[in-house]
Amino acid sequence: MSETYWKAVRPDGTDFRTGTVRWLPRTPLKRARTVRHPSSTRAVKGDHSTSLAVSTDPTELPGASWPMRLCRVEPVEDIIITDSTKRQSVAWRVVEEVDPAIRFGPQGPHVAALITRAGAITAGGAAMLVAARVAASVAASVAASDAARDAARDAAR
């Protein structure tokens, strides 16, 4: 069974590590493209200055941050297994751009929406959230107290 490889990049399509290697065009990817290391022709295990690294797990993307773009890639040259999820090579073919929310796992779209919403929250909205949290805490405390009182009364009977 062959592995699937993933590369997370900045919103402008460049790598997170240096910001100089363009994995994706600024606009949506229309056809496959090959990305080569800018100066190396041979990858050396663990030496990321000689290779381009990708992941076998879209939820394990070291160095990536949100917002981001995510692409599925295939090896063009020999690959080196760096660790359980990281692979190195001097060249990769970008096959397609995918929804970056898969980075967050099965609930990815919901997590991405929450992050987007949190980034747009106002001071008034934050105050409302704090008030709702306090009200929920008070309600939970009252409910627990009532339940304890009722349980004690029932035990006494």
Protein backbone atom coordinates (compact mmCIF):
# COMPACT_ATOMS: atom_id res chain seq x y z
CA MET A 1 0.00 0.00 0.00
CA SER A 2 1.48 3.34 -0.98
CA GLU A 3 1.53 6.31 1.37
CA THR A 4 -0.27 9.58 0.85
CA TYR A 5 1.87 12.65 1.39
CA TRP A 6 0.74 16.09 2.57
CA LYS A 7 2.33 19.53 2.54
CA ALA A 8 1.03 22.52 4.49
CA VAL A 9 1.94 25.93 3.15
CA ARG A 10 1.29 29.56 3.96
CA PRO A 11 -1.79 31.22 2.47
CA ASP A 12 0.44 32.71 -0.25
CA GLY A 13 1.51 29.17 -1.30
CA THR A 14 5.08 29.24 0.09
CA ASP A 15 6.61 26.93 2.68
CA PHE A 16 6.34 27.74 6.39
CA ARG A 17 10.02 27.15 7.16
CA THR A 18 11.66 29.67 4.81
CA GLY A 19 8.82 31.34 2.93
CA THR A 20 10.86 30.99 -0.26
CA VAL A 21 9.75 27.69 -1.81
CA ARG A 22 6.51 28.08 -3.76
CA TRP A 23 4.40 24.93 -3.48
CA LEU A 24 1.11 26.38 -4.69
CA PRO A 25 0.26 29.28 -6.96
CA ARG A 26 -1.46 32.27 -5.37
CA THR A 27 -4.65 31.21 -7.14
CA PRO A 28 -6.22 27.72 -6.96
CA LEU A 29 -4.11 24.91 -8.45
CA LYS A 30 -5.28 24.06 -11.97
CA ARG A 31 -2.79 21.30 -12.86
CA ALA A 32 -0.06 19.26 -11.17
CA ARG A 33 3.25 21.03 -10.65
CA THR A 34 6.68 19.84 -9.61
CA VAL A 35 8.47 21.55 -6.74
CA ARG A 36 12.25 21.10 -6.51
CA HIS A 37 14.65 22.07 -3.77
CA PRO A 38 16.17 25.41 -4.81
CA SER A 39 19.81 24.34 -4.41
CA SER A 40 20.16 20.67 -3.48
CA THR A 41 20.20 17.66 -5.78
CA ARG A 42 20.55 15.04 -3.02
CA ALA A 43 18.57 14.77 0.21
CA VAL A 44 20.52 14.00 3.38
CA LYS A 45 18.51 12.40 6.18
CA GLY A 46 17.76 14.93 8.92
CA ASP A 47 19.40 17.82 7.06
CA HIS A 48 16.46 19.91 5.97
CA SER A 49 18.71 22.33 4.15
CA THR A 50 19.13 19.59 1.51
CA SER A 51 15.53 18.53 1.06
CA LEU A 52 11.85 19.37 1.12
CA ALA A 53 9.85 17.71 3.90
CA VAL A 54 6.27 16.46 3.78
CA SER A 55 4.05 14.45 6.12
CA THR A 56 2.19 11.16 5.83
CA ASP A 57 -0.45 12.44 8.26
CA PRO A 58 -2.44 15.61 7.54
CA THR A 59 -2.97 16.08 11.29
CA GLU A 60 0.80 16.00 11.95
CA LEU A 61 2.22 19.05 10.23
CA PRO A 62 5.14 20.38 12.31
CA GLY A 63 5.84 24.05 11.75
CA ALA A 64 2.45 24.72 10.14
CA SER A 65 0.05 27.27 11.56
CA TRP A 66 -3.43 28.49 10.78
CA PRO A 67 -4.45 29.87 8.36
CA MET A 68 -2.82 27.59 5.86
CA ARG A 69 -3.30 25.78 2.59
CA LEU A 70 -2.87 22.03 2.25
CA CYS A 71 -1.87 19.97 -0.74
CA ARG A 72 -1.47 16.32 -1.55
CA VAL A 73 1.89 15.53 -3.10
CA GLU A 74 3.70 12.60 -4.71
CA PRO A 75 7.43 11.89 -4.76
CA VAL A 76 9.37 12.69 -7.92
CA GLU A 77 12.76 11.55 -6.60
CA ASP A 78 13.78 9.01 -3.96
CA ILE A 79 12.39 9.68 -0.49
CA ILE A 80 14.00 9.40 2.92
CA ILE A 81 11.95 8.33 5.93
CA THR A 82 12.83 10.86 8.62
CA ASP A 83 10.45 9.68 11.35
CA SER A 84 7.04 8.03 11.68
CA THR A 85 5.27 10.74 9.66
CA LYS A 86 7.94 12.89 7.99
CA ARG A 87 9.47 12.20 4.58
CA GLN A 88 12.21 14.08 2.73
CA SER A 89 13.05 14.40 -0.95
CA VAL A 90 14.55 16.98 -3.27
CA ALA A 91 11.42 17.03 -5.46
CA TRP A 92 7.67 16.53 -5.05
CA ARG A 93 4.74 16.76 -7.44
CA VAL A 94 1.80 18.77 -6.11
CA VAL A 95 -1.23 16.78 -7.25
CA GLU A 96 -4.10 18.69 -5.70
CA GLU A 97 -5.02 21.30 -3.14
CA VAL A 98 -7.38 20.01 -0.46
CA ASP A 99 -9.48 21.49 2.33
CA PRO A 100 -6.96 22.49 5.01
CA ALA A 101 -9.53 21.79 7.73
CA ILE A 102 -8.62 18.08 7.53
CA ARG A 103 -5.55 19.16 9.50
CA PHE A 104 -7.83 19.16 12.56
CA GLY A 105 -9.14 15.61 12.09
CA PRO A 106 -12.74 14.38 11.75
CA GLN A 107 -14.25 17.59 13.21
CA GLY A 108 -11.93 19.74 11.11
CA PRO A 109 -14.54 21.94 9.41
CA HIS A 110 -16.07 22.76 12.80
CA VAL A 111 -12.69 23.55 14.35
CA ALA A 112 -11.74 25.74 11.39
CA ALA A 113 -15.05 27.61 11.65
CA LEU A 114 -14.51 28.13 15.38
CA ILE A 115 -11.01 29.52 14.80
CA THR A 116 -12.34 31.86 12.12
CA ARG A 117 -15.17 33.01 14.39
CA ALA A 118 -12.82 33.49 17.35
CA GLY A 119 -10.59 35.68 15.19
CA ALA A 120 -13.51 37.99 14.49
CA ILE A 121 -14.86 38.30 18.04
CA THR A 122 -15.33 41.82 19.38
CA ALA A 123 -14.83 43.05 22.94
CA GLY A 124 -18.62 43.08 23.36
CA GLY A 125 -18.86 39.52 22.08
CA ALA A 126 -16.12 38.41 24.47
CA ALA A 127 -17.96 40.04 27.39
CA MET A 128 -21.13 38.18 26.41
CA LEU A 129 -19.22 34.88 26.35
CA VAL A 130 -17.81 35.56 29.83
CA ALA A 131 -21.29 36.42 31.13
CA ALA A 132 -22.70 33.21 29.61
CA ARG A 133 -19.89 31.17 31.18
CA VAL A 134 -20.54 32.70 34.61
CA ALA A 135 -24.30 32.09 34.28
CA ALA A 136 -23.69 28.46 33.24
CA SER A 137 -21.33 27.96 36.18
CA VAL A 138 -23.88 29.40 38.65
CA ALA A 139 -26.67 27.27 37.15
CA ALA A 140 -24.50 24.13 37.40
CA SER A 141 -23.62 24.93 41.01
CA VAL A 142 -27.28 25.47 41.94
CA ALA A 143 -28.30 22.25 40.16
CA ALA A 144 -25.57 20.29 41.97
CA SER A 145 -26.59 21.77 45.31
CA ASP A 146 -30.26 20.96 44.69
CA ALA A 147 -29.37 17.40 43.64
CA ALA A 148 -27.24 16.89 46.77
CA ARG A 149 -30.01 18.26 49.01
CA ASP A 150 -32.61 16.02 47.34
CA ALA A 151 -30.34 12.97 47.61
CA ALA A 152 -29.73 13.65 51.32
CA ARG A 153 -33.45 14.11 51.96
CA ASP A 154 -34.27 10.87 50.07
CA ALA A 155 -31.58 9.00 52.02
CA ALA A 156 -32.98 10.30 55.31
CA ARG A 157 -36.45 8.93 54.51
